[in-house]
Every structure is written in C-alpha cells, then in structure tokens.
Amino acid sequence: SSRSTADYETAWGQPVTTQEIIDSIVAKGFNVIRVPVTWHPHFDVNEDGTVTVHEIWMDRVQEVVDYVINTGAYCILNVQHDTGERGSRTDGAGWLKADMDEYPASSVKFKSLWEQIATRFIGYDEHLLFEAFNEILDADDSWVPPTASAPYQAITKLEQDFVDVVRATGGNNEYRNLVVNTYAAAHSQVVLDNFQVPTDMHRGHLLASIHSYDPYNFCNNNGEWNTFIFDDSCTKEVDDVFNRVMTAAGNLGIPAFFGEFGAIDGKKDSGERIKYAQYMAQKFKANATVGLWWMGLIDRATLTWTEGEIADALFSNY
C-alpha cells in the first residue's frame, strides 16, 4: 500500500498522536488510556492461514503505547476494527466474527496476531493490559443479541485462544492482566447470561469489559427520539445497567469495568451532559470500578480542553 501509518492514524479526523497529547490527557487526571488498533490493513495472510504483521505498523503501535507508559498511566491495547460490521466490504474489516463456521480459519489468524503482539510487548510491566477484541458481532452483523448459542460459543473459544496464546509467550505475559468482552461488548441479560470466563493458568488476572452509551437516546444523536434532559428516568436506566453488569460479574467471580462510555452528542446542552458524567462517576465509585470515556473533551490539535467541565465532572467523586 502507498498509504503511510499516518494516513491510517488520521483517517477518523484526528491528528497523529504525540507524547504531548497523551501528557495533556494524563495531566487532566486520566490514568487509563485505551489504544484501539485496527490490524487488518497491516498484516499479510500466509499460506498456512497465519498472519504476519507489518513491522512499520507494529513499531508505530509500540510508539503510541510508549507515550502512555511514559506518563505512568495504564494502557489497554486491543484488536479494534477487525471486529464489527463487515457487510459487503472486501477490505478485510470484520474478519473476526462470533461465528462457529468461520472459527477454524479466524482462530488461526487471531492466535498468530496475538502471539506477535504479546511477543513484542513481553517486557512491559503491569501498566500494559491486553484486550482480546472490541465489539464482536455474528455473521449477520447483528447488534441485537443472538438467541442461538453458537455465536456465544465462538466468543468463548476465541477468548480462550487469546488467553492461551498470550500466556504461552511467557515472561511478563504469564501474569499480564487480560480483558475479555461480551457479545458486541453489550450488557443485556441474554448477553451476560451467555458470557463465559476463559480458563487461566493463574487466578485473578482477567477482567470483563462492557460498553455503555445509556440511555441511548441521551448519549447519542438519535433524531426524533433524542432525549435532552438527564432526568430520573435516565438515572434509573444507568442504575439498571450497573446492577446487571456487577451482578453478573460477581456471579462469575471476575472484575468488570466499562471499557467505553460517554454522552457523545455534543449538540446537547453541556449542563445535562455534565450531570450524566457526574452520575456515572458516582456509580463507578459506588461499585468500585472504572470507566473509559470514549472520545471528545479535548481538541488534540491545539491541546485545548473544549469540554473541560465534563472532564472535571468525571473526577468529581474522587
């Protein structure tokens, strides 16, 4: 490809990541940064079905991880848009599916990918966590939780592959904290009921992650269904999410955190979004867990906090 690493890195409209950007985020109080990485344009598929990651991309990923580690913050490194909607696309997106028919081939690719990532970062300490994958969907690209058991079985097998491959590289990876997700990183009762924790060689080194943009019509721009006020009905919906997630995690004996959350529709009144941020912070503290705000808040080009009051609200209970 004639495209540079910077072309890919800026494809979503953000500037190339720098140490100064990460420094600014950490200086505001954030001490966990998730580095979402899309791998499929940056590996070759070998004859045996394994993949070989391009060195120039792995080097750049390591540079960005180092920006985070240099600040003393925790870093979560993952496999991001290799999951998600595939549809009719032919660019390799969505190659990793919650699908048993595809599992034999995707497992080979997935394991070889994680072996290379784990090997590259083997010397990093506990400030670096690995996350198996992002919002994985079934072969139908369905955001509605499947009723069949096979998609959940595929997730269980892929996450077991992830744990086994990382552990097998040894070194610091033997005890590295690893993050596993539910179907679509969702939190409905059917998704939580079908979530299984992988077997691990050491207890206490796995975490579960879910994503929550709830209430959906408040946290997103949903046209005629928009909710503009963060009221009691909103807090009840947030309460329900936490109750489901923390109850399920307790039953499974695994810590859970919110790998993504946020009220991302900037057209809504900032005062109401500040209320949301304050309430989420309150819930995180009450449940002894954390969440990672998805995007926004800072203009990375100028290092200006465009939504600094929301950022401050996230720390209002700490």
C-alpha atoms as a PDB file:
ATOM      1  CA  SER A   1       0.000   0.000   0.000  1.00  0.00           C
ATOM      2  CA  SER A   2       1.136   3.553  -0.735  1.00  0.00           C
ATOM      3  CA  ARG A   3      -0.578   4.782   2.411  1.00  0.00           C
ATOM      4  CA  SER A   4       1.564   5.677   5.400  1.00  0.00           C
ATOM      5  CA  THR A   5       0.910   4.819   9.029  1.00  0.00           C
ATOM      6  CA  ALA A   6      -0.112   8.465   9.497  1.00  0.00           C
ATOM      7  CA  ASP A   7      -2.770   8.120   6.768  1.00  0.00           C
ATOM      8  CA  TYR A   8      -4.413   5.339   8.751  1.00  0.00           C
ATOM      9  CA  GLU A   9      -3.921   7.052  12.094  1.00  0.00           C
ATOM     10  CA  THR A  10      -5.650  10.250  10.921  1.00  0.00           C
ATOM     11  CA  ALA A  11      -8.460   8.541   8.999  1.00  0.00           C
ATOM     12  CA  TRP A  12     -11.043   9.454  11.661  1.00  0.00           C
ATOM     13  CA  GLY A  13     -10.164  13.151  11.539  1.00  0.00           C
ATOM     14  CA  GLN A  14      -7.744  13.291  14.445  1.00  0.00           C
ATOM     15  CA  PRO A  15      -4.102  14.410  14.223  1.00  0.00           C
ATOM     16  CA  VAL A  16      -1.224  11.986  14.583  1.00  0.00           C
ATOM     17  CA  THR A  17      -0.836  11.027  18.241  1.00  0.00           C
ATOM     18  CA  THR A  18       2.063  12.670  20.086  1.00  0.00           C
ATOM     19  CA  GLN A  19       3.578  12.433  23.530  1.00  0.00           C
ATOM     20  CA  GLU A  20       2.215  15.943  24.206  1.00  0.00           C
ATOM     21  CA  ILE A  21      -1.370  14.823  23.532  1.00  0.00           C
ATOM     22  CA  ILE A  22      -1.046  11.919  25.956  1.00  0.00           C
ATOM     23  CA  ASP A  23       0.669  14.142  28.523  1.00  0.00           C
ATOM     24  CA  SER A  24      -2.235  16.593  28.393  1.00  0.00           C
ATOM     25  CA  ILE A  25      -4.818  13.857  28.917  1.00  0.00           C
ATOM     26  CA  VAL A  26      -2.953  12.367  31.870  1.00  0.00           C
ATOM     27  CA  ALA A  27      -2.322  15.807  33.393  1.00  0.00           C
ATOM     28  CA  LYS A  28      -6.099  16.311  33.488  1.00  0.00           C
ATOM     29  CA  GLY A  29      -6.411  13.267  35.766  1.00  0.00           C
ATOM     30  CA  PHE A  30      -6.985  10.325  33.426  1.00  0.00           C
ATOM     31  CA  ASN A  31      -4.764   7.394  34.370  1.00  0.00           C
ATOM     32  CA  VAL A  32      -6.030   4.692  31.982  1.00  0.00           C
ATOM     33  CA  ILE A  33      -5.867   5.136  28.205  1.00  0.00           C
ATOM     34  CA  ARG A  34      -7.195   2.569  25.757  1.00  0.00           C
ATOM     35  CA  VAL A  35      -5.256   2.370  22.500  1.00  0.00           C
ATOM     36  CA  PRO A  36      -7.638   0.884  19.914  1.00  0.00           C
ATOM     37  CA  VAL A  37      -5.732  -0.633  16.995  1.00  0.00           C
ATOM     38  CA  THR A  38      -7.032  -1.845  13.647  1.00  0.00           C
ATOM     39  CA  TRP A  39      -4.707  -4.550  12.351  1.00  0.00           C
ATOM     40  CA  HIS A  40      -6.196  -5.998   9.160  1.00  0.00           C
ATOM     41  CA  PRO A  41      -4.720  -3.471   6.673  1.00  0.00           C
ATOM     42  CA  HIS A  42      -1.342  -4.075   8.276  1.00  0.00           C
ATOM     43  CA  PHE A  43      -0.775  -7.811   8.047  1.00  0.00           C
ATOM     44  CA  ASP A  44      -0.210 -10.358   5.306  1.00  0.00           C
ATOM     45  CA  VAL A  45      -2.063 -13.677   5.386  1.00  0.00           C
ATOM     46  CA  ASN A  46       0.315 -16.614   4.928  1.00  0.00           C
ATOM     47  CA  GLU A  47      -0.326 -19.878   3.121  1.00  0.00           C
ATOM     48  CA  ASP A  48      -0.959 -21.685   6.406  1.00  0.00           C
ATOM     49  CA  GLY A  49      -3.629 -19.143   7.408  1.00  0.00           C
ATOM     50  CA  THR A  50      -1.486 -17.301   9.948  1.00  0.00           C
ATOM     51  CA  VAL A  51      -0.719 -13.611   9.573  1.00  0.00           C
ATOM     52  CA  THR A  52       2.460 -11.559   9.583  1.00  0.00           C
ATOM     53  CA  VAL A  53       2.076  -8.025  10.939  1.00  0.00           C
ATOM     54  CA  HIS A  54       3.934  -5.323   9.032  1.00  0.00           C
ATOM     55  CA  GLU A  55       6.918  -4.187  11.062  1.00  0.00           C
ATOM     56  CA  ILE A  56       6.299  -0.485  10.376  1.00  0.00           C
ATOM     57  CA  TRP A  57       2.796  -0.725  11.883  1.00  0.00           C
ATOM     58  CA  MET A  58       3.892  -2.723  14.928  1.00  0.00           C
ATOM     59  CA  ASP A  59       6.642  -0.154  15.516  1.00  0.00           C
ATOM     60  CA  ARG A  60       4.131   2.706  15.411  1.00  0.00           C
ATOM     61  CA  VAL A  61       1.755   0.897  17.764  1.00  0.00           C
ATOM     62  CA  GLN A  62       4.629   0.450  20.188  1.00  0.00           C
ATOM     63  CA  GLU A  63       5.485   4.164  19.954  1.00  0.00           C
ATOM     64  CA  VAL A  64       1.943   5.147  20.947  1.00  0.00           C
ATOM     65  CA  VAL A  65       1.833   2.584  23.756  1.00  0.00           C
ATOM     66  CA  ASP A  66       5.134   4.026  24.997  1.00  0.00           C
ATOM     67  CA  TYR A  67       3.620   7.529  25.053  1.00  0.00           C
ATOM     68  CA  VAL A  68       1.076   6.207  27.563  1.00  0.00           C
ATOM     69  CA  ILE A  69       3.517   4.120  29.579  1.00  0.00           C
ATOM     70  CA  ASN A  70       5.939   7.075  29.797  1.00  0.00           C
ATOM     71  CA  THR A  71       3.337   9.030  31.799  1.00  0.00           C
ATOM     72  CA  GLY A  72       2.880   6.282  34.392  1.00  0.00           C
ATOM     73  CA  ALA A  73      -0.693   5.683  33.245  1.00  0.00           C
ATOM     74  CA  TYR A  74      -2.172   2.292  32.439  1.00  0.00           C
ATOM     75  CA  CYS A  75      -2.593   1.336  28.792  1.00  0.00           C
ATOM     76  CA  ILE A  76      -5.106  -1.085  27.265  1.00  0.00           C
ATOM     77  CA  LEU A  77      -4.025  -2.374  23.849  1.00  0.00           C
ATOM     78  CA  ASN A  78      -6.574  -4.204  21.733  1.00  0.00           C
ATOM     79  CA  VAL A  79      -7.816  -5.541  18.391  1.00  0.00           C
ATOM     80  CA  GLN A  80     -10.425  -2.957  17.354  1.00  0.00           C
ATOM     81  CA  HIS A  81     -11.985  -2.729  13.874  1.00  0.00           C
ATOM     82  CA  ASP A  82     -11.025  -6.257  12.919  1.00  0.00           C
ATOM     83  CA  THR A  83     -14.393  -6.962  14.554  1.00  0.00           C
ATOM     84  CA  GLY A  84     -17.625  -5.119  13.859  1.00  0.00           C
ATOM     85  CA  GLU A  85     -19.714  -4.823  10.722  1.00  0.00           C
ATOM     86  CA  ARG A  86     -18.419  -6.473   7.590  1.00  0.00           C
ATOM     87  CA  GLY A  87     -21.446  -6.316   5.291  1.00  0.00           C
ATOM     88  CA  SER A  88     -20.281  -6.422   1.677  1.00  0.00           C
ATOM     89  CA  ARG A  89     -16.878  -4.877   2.398  1.00  0.00           C
ATOM     90  CA  THR A  90     -13.847  -6.522   0.880  1.00  0.00           C
ATOM     91  CA  ASP A  91     -11.131  -4.551   2.700  1.00  0.00           C
ATOM     92  CA  GLY A  92     -10.734  -7.120   5.475  1.00  0.00           C
ATOM     93  CA  ALA A  93     -12.809  -5.296   8.082  1.00  0.00           C
ATOM     94  CA  GLY A  94     -14.930  -7.526  10.276  1.00  0.00           C
ATOM     95  CA  TRP A  95     -12.879 -10.659   9.596  1.00  0.00           C
ATOM     96  CA  LEU A  96     -13.216 -11.657  13.260  1.00  0.00           C
ATOM     97  CA  LYS A  97     -16.756 -12.899  13.832  1.00  0.00           C
ATOM     98  CA  ALA A  98     -18.752 -14.575  16.572  1.00  0.00           C
ATOM     99  CA  ASP A  99     -19.415 -17.408  14.160  1.00  0.00           C
ATOM    100  CA  MET A 100     -18.605 -21.093  14.573  1.00  0.00           C
ATOM    101  CA  ASP A 101     -18.449 -21.727  10.821  1.00  0.00           C
ATOM    102  CA  GLU A 102     -15.674 -19.171  10.497  1.00  0.00           C
ATOM    103  CA  TYR A 103     -13.967 -20.058  13.769  1.00  0.00           C
ATOM    104  CA  PRO A 104     -11.436 -22.620  12.424  1.00  0.00           C
ATOM    105  CA  ALA A 105      -9.909 -20.128   9.996  1.00  0.00           C
ATOM    106  CA  SER A 106     -10.297 -16.989  12.094  1.00  0.00           C
ATOM    107  CA  SER A 107      -8.818 -18.727  15.125  1.00  0.00           C
ATOM    108  CA  VAL A 108      -5.567 -19.373  13.247  1.00  0.00           C
ATOM    109  CA  LYS A 109      -5.298 -15.720  12.215  1.00  0.00           C
ATOM    110  CA  PHE A 110      -6.322 -14.445  15.637  1.00  0.00           C
ATOM    111  CA  LYS A 111      -3.851 -16.599  17.546  1.00  0.00           C
ATOM    112  CA  SER A 112      -0.933 -15.683  15.294  1.00  0.00           C
ATOM    113  CA  LEU A 113      -1.823 -11.986  15.571  1.00  0.00           C
ATOM    114  CA  TRP A 114      -1.887 -12.076  19.357  1.00  0.00           C
ATOM    115  CA  GLU A 115       1.307 -14.128  19.506  1.00  0.00           C
ATOM    116  CA  GLN A 116       3.098 -11.336  17.648  1.00  0.00           C
ATOM    117  CA  ILE A 117       1.569  -8.561  19.770  1.00  0.00           C
ATOM    118  CA  ALA A 118       2.333 -10.409  23.007  1.00  0.00           C
ATOM    119  CA  THR A 119       5.889 -11.146  21.925  1.00  0.00           C
ATOM    120  CA  ARG A 120       6.563  -7.523  21.022  1.00  0.00           C
ATOM    121  CA  PHE A 121       5.320  -6.280  24.413  1.00  0.00           C
ATOM    122  CA  ILE A 122       6.565  -9.146  26.577  1.00  0.00           C
ATOM    123  CA  GLY A 123       8.890  -6.913  28.613  1.00  0.00           C
ATOM    124  CA  TYR A 124       6.229  -4.389  29.653  1.00  0.00           C
ATOM    125  CA  ASP A 125       5.029  -4.405  33.257  1.00  0.00           C
ATOM    126  CA  GLU A 126       1.516  -4.416  34.703  1.00  0.00           C
ATOM    127  CA  HIS A 127       0.763  -0.931  33.337  1.00  0.00           C
ATOM    128  CA  LEU A 128       0.031  -2.597  29.983  1.00  0.00           C
ATOM    129  CA  LEU A 129      -3.117  -4.697  29.589  1.00  0.00           C
ATOM    130  CA  PHE A 130      -4.245  -6.601  26.510  1.00  0.00           C
ATOM    131  CA  GLU A 131      -7.886  -6.649  25.375  1.00  0.00           C
ATOM    132  CA  ALA A 132      -8.902  -9.585  23.168  1.00  0.00           C
ATOM    133  CA  PHE A 133     -11.103  -7.639  20.761  1.00  0.00           C
ATOM    134  CA  ASN A 134     -13.635  -4.834  20.549  1.00  0.00           C
ATOM    135  CA  GLU A 135     -17.353  -5.153  19.710  1.00  0.00           C
ATOM    136  CA  ILE A 136     -17.556  -8.573  18.073  1.00  0.00           C
ATOM    137  CA  LEU A 137     -20.686  -9.398  16.044  1.00  0.00           C
ATOM    138  CA  ASP A 138     -22.127 -12.523  14.454  1.00  0.00           C
ATOM    139  CA  ALA A 139     -22.087 -13.374  10.740  1.00  0.00           C
ATOM    140  CA  ASP A 140     -25.222 -11.247  10.254  1.00  0.00           C
ATOM    141  CA  ASP A 141     -23.564  -8.139  11.718  1.00  0.00           C
ATOM    142  CA  SER A 142     -26.372  -8.078  14.268  1.00  0.00           C
ATOM    143  CA  TRP A 143     -26.319  -5.599  17.132  1.00  0.00           C
ATOM    144  CA  VAL A 144     -29.339  -7.419  18.534  1.00  0.00           C
ATOM    145  CA  PRO A 145     -28.159 -10.218  20.850  1.00  0.00           C
ATOM    146  CA  PRO A 146     -28.444 -13.602  19.105  1.00  0.00           C
ATOM    147  CA  THR A 147     -30.832 -16.194  20.504  1.00  0.00           C
ATOM    148  CA  ALA A 148     -28.739 -19.098  19.182  1.00  0.00           C
ATOM    149  CA  SER A 149     -25.897 -20.396  21.319  1.00  0.00           C
ATOM    150  CA  ALA A 150     -23.284 -20.732  18.550  1.00  0.00           C
ATOM    151  CA  PRO A 151     -22.176 -17.062  18.415  1.00  0.00           C
ATOM    152  CA  TYR A 152     -21.541 -17.078  22.152  1.00  0.00           C
ATOM    153  CA  GLN A 153     -19.667 -20.374  21.815  1.00  0.00           C
ATOM    154  CA  ALA A 154     -17.409 -18.792  19.196  1.00  0.00           C
ATOM    155  CA  ILE A 155     -16.634 -15.872  21.514  1.00  0.00           C
ATOM    156  CA  THR A 156     -15.777 -18.261  24.334  1.00  0.00           C
ATOM    157  CA  LYS A 157     -13.398 -20.193  22.077  1.00  0.00           C
ATOM    158  CA  LEU A 158     -11.730 -17.069  20.660  1.00  0.00           C
ATOM    159  CA  GLU A 159     -11.194 -15.585  24.115  1.00  0.00           C
ATOM    160  CA  GLN A 160      -9.742 -18.874  25.324  1.00  0.00           C
ATOM    161  CA  ASP A 161      -7.387 -18.779  22.322  1.00  0.00           C
ATOM    162  CA  PHE A 162      -6.396 -15.238  23.298  1.00  0.00           C
ATOM    163  CA  VAL A 163      -5.610 -16.172  26.904  1.00  0.00           C
ATOM    164  CA  ASP A 164      -3.746 -19.342  25.946  1.00  0.00           C
ATOM    165  CA  VAL A 165      -1.591 -17.686  23.273  1.00  0.00           C
ATOM    166  CA  VAL A 166      -0.624 -14.713  25.428  1.00  0.00           C
ATOM    167  CA  ARG A 167       0.239 -16.934  28.397  1.00  0.00           C
ATOM    168  CA  ALA A 168       2.292 -19.269  26.207  1.00  0.00           C
ATOM    169  CA  THR A 169       4.674 -16.441  25.298  1.00  0.00           C
ATOM    170  CA  GLY A 170       5.832 -16.427  28.934  1.00  0.00           C
ATOM    171  CA  GLY A 171       7.783 -13.645  30.600  1.00  0.00           C
ATOM    172  CA  ASN A 172       5.597 -10.852  31.960  1.00  0.00           C
ATOM    173  CA  ASN A 173       2.737 -12.154  29.816  1.00  0.00           C
ATOM    174  CA  GLU A 174       2.320 -15.115  32.150  1.00  0.00           C
ATOM    175  CA  TYR A 175       0.666 -12.812  34.689  1.00  0.00           C
ATOM    176  CA  ARG A 176      -0.418  -9.906  32.466  1.00  0.00           C
ATOM    177  CA  ASN A 177      -3.947  -8.659  33.148  1.00  0.00           C
ATOM    178  CA  LEU A 178      -6.155  -9.531  30.175  1.00  0.00           C
ATOM    179  CA  VAL A 179      -9.503  -8.048  29.177  1.00  0.00           C
ATOM    180  CA  VAL A 180     -12.341 -10.095  27.684  1.00  0.00           C
ATOM    181  CA  ASN A 181     -15.609  -8.727  26.284  1.00  0.00           C
ATOM    182  CA  THR A 182     -19.197  -9.831  25.894  1.00  0.00           C
ATOM    183  CA  TYR A 183     -21.014 -10.122  22.565  1.00  0.00           C
ATOM    184  CA  ALA A 184     -20.855  -6.626  20.958  1.00  0.00           C
ATOM    185  CA  ALA A 185     -19.478  -5.501  24.352  1.00  0.00           C
ATOM    186  CA  ALA A 186     -23.170  -5.331  25.259  1.00  0.00           C
ATOM    187  CA  HIS A 187     -24.830  -5.780  28.633  1.00  0.00           C
ATOM    188  CA  SER A 188     -28.353  -7.100  28.075  1.00  0.00           C
ATOM    189  CA  GLN A 189     -29.312 -10.003  30.309  1.00  0.00           C
ATOM    190  CA  VAL A 190     -29.144 -12.569  27.488  1.00  0.00           C
ATOM    191  CA  VAL A 191     -25.608 -11.425  26.585  1.00  0.00           C
ATOM    192  CA  LEU A 192     -24.448 -11.571  30.203  1.00  0.00           C
ATOM    193  CA  ASP A 193     -26.082 -14.969  30.723  1.00  0.00           C
ATOM    194  CA  ASN A 194     -24.138 -16.354  27.749  1.00  0.00           C
ATOM    195  CA  PHE A 195     -20.781 -14.857  28.721  1.00  0.00           C
ATOM    196  CA  GLN A 196     -18.172 -17.357  29.920  1.00  0.00           C
ATOM    197  CA  VAL A 197     -14.870 -16.563  31.581  1.00  0.00           C
ATOM    198  CA  PRO A 198     -11.846 -18.245  29.961  1.00  0.00           C
ATOM    199  CA  THR A 199      -9.761 -20.712  31.903  1.00  0.00           C
ATOM    200  CA  ASP A 200      -6.479 -19.181  33.014  1.00  0.00           C
ATOM    201  CA  MET A 201      -3.286 -20.600  34.476  1.00  0.00           C
ATOM    202  CA  HIS A 202      -3.323 -18.056  37.345  1.00  0.00           C
ATOM    203  CA  ARG A 203      -6.343 -16.704  39.184  1.00  0.00           C
ATOM    204  CA  GLY A 204      -7.120 -13.009  39.341  1.00  0.00           C
ATOM    205  CA  HIS A 205      -5.670 -11.758  36.061  1.00  0.00           C
ATOM    206  CA  LEU A 206      -8.774 -11.500  33.862  1.00  0.00           C
ATOM    207  CA  LEU A 207     -11.198  -8.563  33.645  1.00  0.00           C
ATOM    208  CA  ALA A 208     -14.513  -8.267  31.823  1.00  0.00           C
ATOM    209  CA  SER A 209     -15.373  -5.152  29.837  1.00  0.00           C
ATOM    210  CA  ILE A 210     -18.702  -3.844  28.563  1.00  0.00           C
ATOM    211  CA  HIS A 211     -19.628  -0.659  26.697  1.00  0.00           C
ATOM    212  CA  SER A 212     -22.467   1.601  27.795  1.00  0.00           C
ATOM    213  CA  TYR A 213     -23.971   4.537  25.943  1.00  0.00           C
ATOM    214  CA  ASP A 214     -27.078   4.551  28.093  1.00  0.00           C
ATOM    215  CA  PRO A 215     -29.635   5.957  27.937  1.00  0.00           C
ATOM    216  CA  TYR A 216     -29.110   5.532  24.193  1.00  0.00           C
ATOM    217  CA  ASN A 217     -31.304   8.474  23.174  1.00  0.00           C
ATOM    218  CA  PHE A 218     -29.483  10.766  25.588  1.00  0.00           C
ATOM    219  CA  CYS A 219     -25.914   9.626  24.906  1.00  0.00           C
ATOM    220  CA  ASN A 220     -26.268   9.613  21.103  1.00  0.00           C
ATOM    221  CA  ASN A 221     -27.871  11.752  18.442  1.00  0.00           C
ATOM    222  CA  ASN A 222     -30.956   9.729  17.647  1.00  0.00           C
ATOM    223  CA  GLY A 223     -33.026  12.195  15.655  1.00  0.00           C
ATOM    224  CA  GLU A 224     -36.679  12.412  16.660  1.00  0.00           C
ATOM    225  CA  TRP A 225     -36.043  10.061  19.591  1.00  0.00           C
ATOM    226  CA  ASN A 226     -33.475  12.349  21.221  1.00  0.00           C
ATOM    227  CA  THR A 227     -33.622  12.811  24.973  1.00  0.00           C
ATOM    228  CA  PHE A 228     -32.216  16.192  26.005  1.00  0.00           C
ATOM    229  CA  ILE A 229     -32.625  16.097  29.787  1.00  0.00           C
ATOM    230  CA  PHE A 230     -30.699  13.773  32.104  1.00  0.00           C
ATOM    231  CA  ASP A 231     -33.610  13.103  34.466  1.00  0.00           C
ATOM    232  CA  ASP A 232     -34.748  10.402  36.894  1.00  0.00           C
ATOM    233  CA  SER A 233     -35.681   8.038  34.077  1.00  0.00           C
ATOM    234  CA  CYS A 234     -32.095   8.328  32.833  1.00  0.00           C
ATOM    235  CA  THR A 235     -30.557   7.618  36.230  1.00  0.00           C
ATOM    236  CA  LYS A 236     -32.826   4.580  36.583  1.00  0.00           C
ATOM    237  CA  GLU A 237     -31.604   3.214  33.262  1.00  0.00           C
ATOM    238  CA  VAL A 238     -27.984   3.742  34.317  1.00  0.00           C
ATOM    239  CA  ASP A 239     -28.743   2.019  37.640  1.00  0.00           C
ATOM    240  CA  ASP A 240     -30.200  -0.960  35.785  1.00  0.00           C
ATOM    241  CA  VAL A 241     -27.072  -1.298  33.647  1.00  0.00           C
ATOM    242  CA  PHE A 242     -24.773  -1.267  36.668  1.00  0.00           C
ATOM    243  CA  ASN A 243     -26.976  -3.737  38.539  1.00  0.00           C
ATOM    244  CA  ARG A 244     -26.972  -6.209  35.665  1.00  0.00           C
ATOM    245  CA  VAL A 245     -23.270  -5.936  34.952  1.00  0.00           C
ATOM    246  CA  MET A 246     -21.996  -6.019  38.518  1.00  0.00           C
ATOM    247  CA  THR A 247     -24.343  -8.864  39.499  1.00  0.00           C
ATOM    248  CA  ALA A 248     -23.183 -10.944  36.541  1.00  0.00           C
ATOM    249  CA  ALA A 249     -19.525 -10.175  37.250  1.00  0.00           C
ATOM    250  CA  GLY A 250     -19.989 -11.127  40.897  1.00  0.00           C
ATOM    251  CA  ASN A 251     -21.598 -14.419  39.933  1.00  0.00           C
ATOM    252  CA  LEU A 252     -18.736 -15.157  37.529  1.00  0.00           C
ATOM    253  CA  GLY A 253     -16.064 -14.111  40.022  1.00  0.00           C
ATOM    254  CA  ILE A 254     -14.442 -11.593  37.672  1.00  0.00           C
ATOM    255  CA  PRO A 255     -13.972  -7.815  37.972  1.00  0.00           C
ATOM    256  CA  ALA A 256     -15.873  -5.772  35.387  1.00  0.00           C
ATOM    257  CA  PHE A 257     -15.331  -2.252  34.100  1.00  0.00           C
ATOM    258  CA  PHE A 258     -16.816  -0.004  31.416  1.00  0.00           C
ATOM    259  CA  GLY A 259     -14.359  -0.097  28.512  1.00  0.00           C
ATOM    260  CA  GLU A 260     -16.344   2.625  26.754  1.00  0.00           C
ATOM    261  CA  PHE A 261     -18.978   5.070  27.934  1.00  0.00           C
ATOM    262  CA  GLY A 262     -19.936   8.647  27.164  1.00  0.00           C
ATOM    263  CA  ALA A 263     -22.582  11.147  26.176  1.00  0.00           C
ATOM    264  CA  ILE A 264     -21.086  11.835  22.800  1.00  0.00           C
ATOM    265  CA  ASP A 265     -23.700  14.067  21.196  1.00  0.00           C
ATOM    266  CA  GLY A 266     -22.054  17.461  21.567  1.00  0.00           C
ATOM    267  CA  LYS A 267     -25.131  19.279  20.247  1.00  0.00           C
ATOM    268  CA  LYS A 268     -26.915  18.672  23.553  1.00  0.00           C
ATOM    269  CA  ASP A 269     -26.733  21.043  26.495  1.00  0.00           C
ATOM    270  CA  SER A 270     -23.389  20.647  28.208  1.00  0.00           C
ATOM    271  CA  GLY A 271     -25.016  21.077  31.636  1.00  0.00           C
ATOM    272  CA  GLU A 272     -27.079  17.939  31.100  1.00  0.00           C
ATOM    273  CA  ARG A 273     -24.035  16.015  29.865  1.00  0.00           C
ATOM    274  CA  ILE A 274     -22.143  17.201  32.956  1.00  0.00           C
ATOM    275  CA  LYS A 275     -24.958  15.725  35.092  1.00  0.00           C
ATOM    276  CA  TYR A 276     -24.519  12.440  33.225  1.00  0.00           C
ATOM    277  CA  ALA A 277     -20.747  12.490  33.795  1.00  0.00           C
ATOM    278  CA  GLN A 278     -21.188  13.227  37.500  1.00  0.00           C
ATOM    279  CA  TYR A 279     -23.711  10.442  37.897  1.00  0.00           C
ATOM    280  CA  MET A 280     -21.529   7.908  36.089  1.00  0.00           C
ATOM    281  CA  ALA A 281     -18.580   8.888  38.286  1.00  0.00           C
ATOM    282  CA  GLN A 282     -20.768   8.368  41.343  1.00  0.00           C
ATOM    283  CA  LYS A 283     -21.791   4.907  40.092  1.00  0.00           C
ATOM    284  CA  PHE A 284     -18.217   3.894  39.321  1.00  0.00           C
ATOM    285  CA  LYS A 285     -17.118   4.809  42.830  1.00  0.00           C
ATOM    286  CA  ALA A 286     -20.087   3.085  44.472  1.00  0.00           C
ATOM    287  CA  ASN A 287     -19.345  -0.095  42.524  1.00  0.00           C
ATOM    288  CA  ALA A 288     -15.552   0.063  42.994  1.00  0.00           C
ATOM    289  CA  THR A 289     -14.949   0.086  39.266  1.00  0.00           C
ATOM    290  CA  VAL A 290     -13.952   2.478  36.476  1.00  0.00           C
ATOM    291  CA  GLY A 291     -14.953   3.562  33.006  1.00  0.00           C
ATOM    292  CA  LEU A 292     -13.170   4.953  29.955  1.00  0.00           C
ATOM    293  CA  TRP A 293     -14.827   7.966  28.310  1.00  0.00           C
ATOM    294  CA  TRP A 294     -14.998   7.492  24.543  1.00  0.00           C
ATOM    295  CA  MET A 295     -13.520  10.408  22.625  1.00  0.00           C
ATOM    296  CA  GLY A 296     -14.118  14.152  22.610  1.00  0.00           C
ATOM    297  CA  LEU A 297     -13.431  16.535  25.520  1.00  0.00           C
ATOM    298  CA  ILE A 298     -10.052  17.716  24.184  1.00  0.00           C
ATOM    299  CA  ASP A 299      -9.030  19.255  20.861  1.00  0.00           C
ATOM    300  CA  ARG A 300      -5.967  17.185  20.117  1.00  0.00           C
ATOM    301  CA  ALA A 301      -4.660  19.628  17.506  1.00  0.00           C
ATOM    302  CA  THR A 302      -4.474  22.556  19.945  1.00  0.00           C
ATOM    303  CA  LEU A 303      -4.393  20.616  23.255  1.00  0.00           C
ATOM    304  CA  THR A 304      -7.376  22.707  24.394  1.00  0.00           C
ATOM    305  CA  TRP A 305      -9.994  21.210  26.698  1.00  0.00           C
ATOM    306  CA  THR A 306     -13.120  22.043  24.707  1.00  0.00           C
ATOM    307  CA  GLU A 307     -15.301  20.190  27.229  1.00  0.00           C
ATOM    308  CA  GLY A 308     -13.185  20.582  30.323  1.00  0.00           C
ATOM    309  CA  GLU A 309     -16.191  20.811  32.660  1.00  0.00           C
ATOM    310  CA  ILE A 310     -17.297  17.331  31.605  1.00  0.00           C
ATOM    311  CA  ALA A 311     -13.772  16.025  32.186  1.00  0.00           C
ATOM    312  CA  ASP A 312     -13.730  17.647  35.632  1.00  0.00           C
ATOM    313  CA  ALA A 313     -17.144  16.129  36.407  1.00  0.00           C
ATOM    314  CA  LEU A 314     -15.729  12.664  35.817  1.00  0.00           C
ATOM    315  CA  PHE A 315     -13.384  13.215  38.770  1.00  0.00           C
ATOM    316  CA  SER A 316     -15.960  14.930  40.988  1.00  0.00           C
ATOM    317  CA  ASN A 317     -16.297  11.887  43.261  1.00  0.00           C
ATOM    318  CA  TYR A 318     -12.625  11.037  43.503  1.00  0.00           C
END
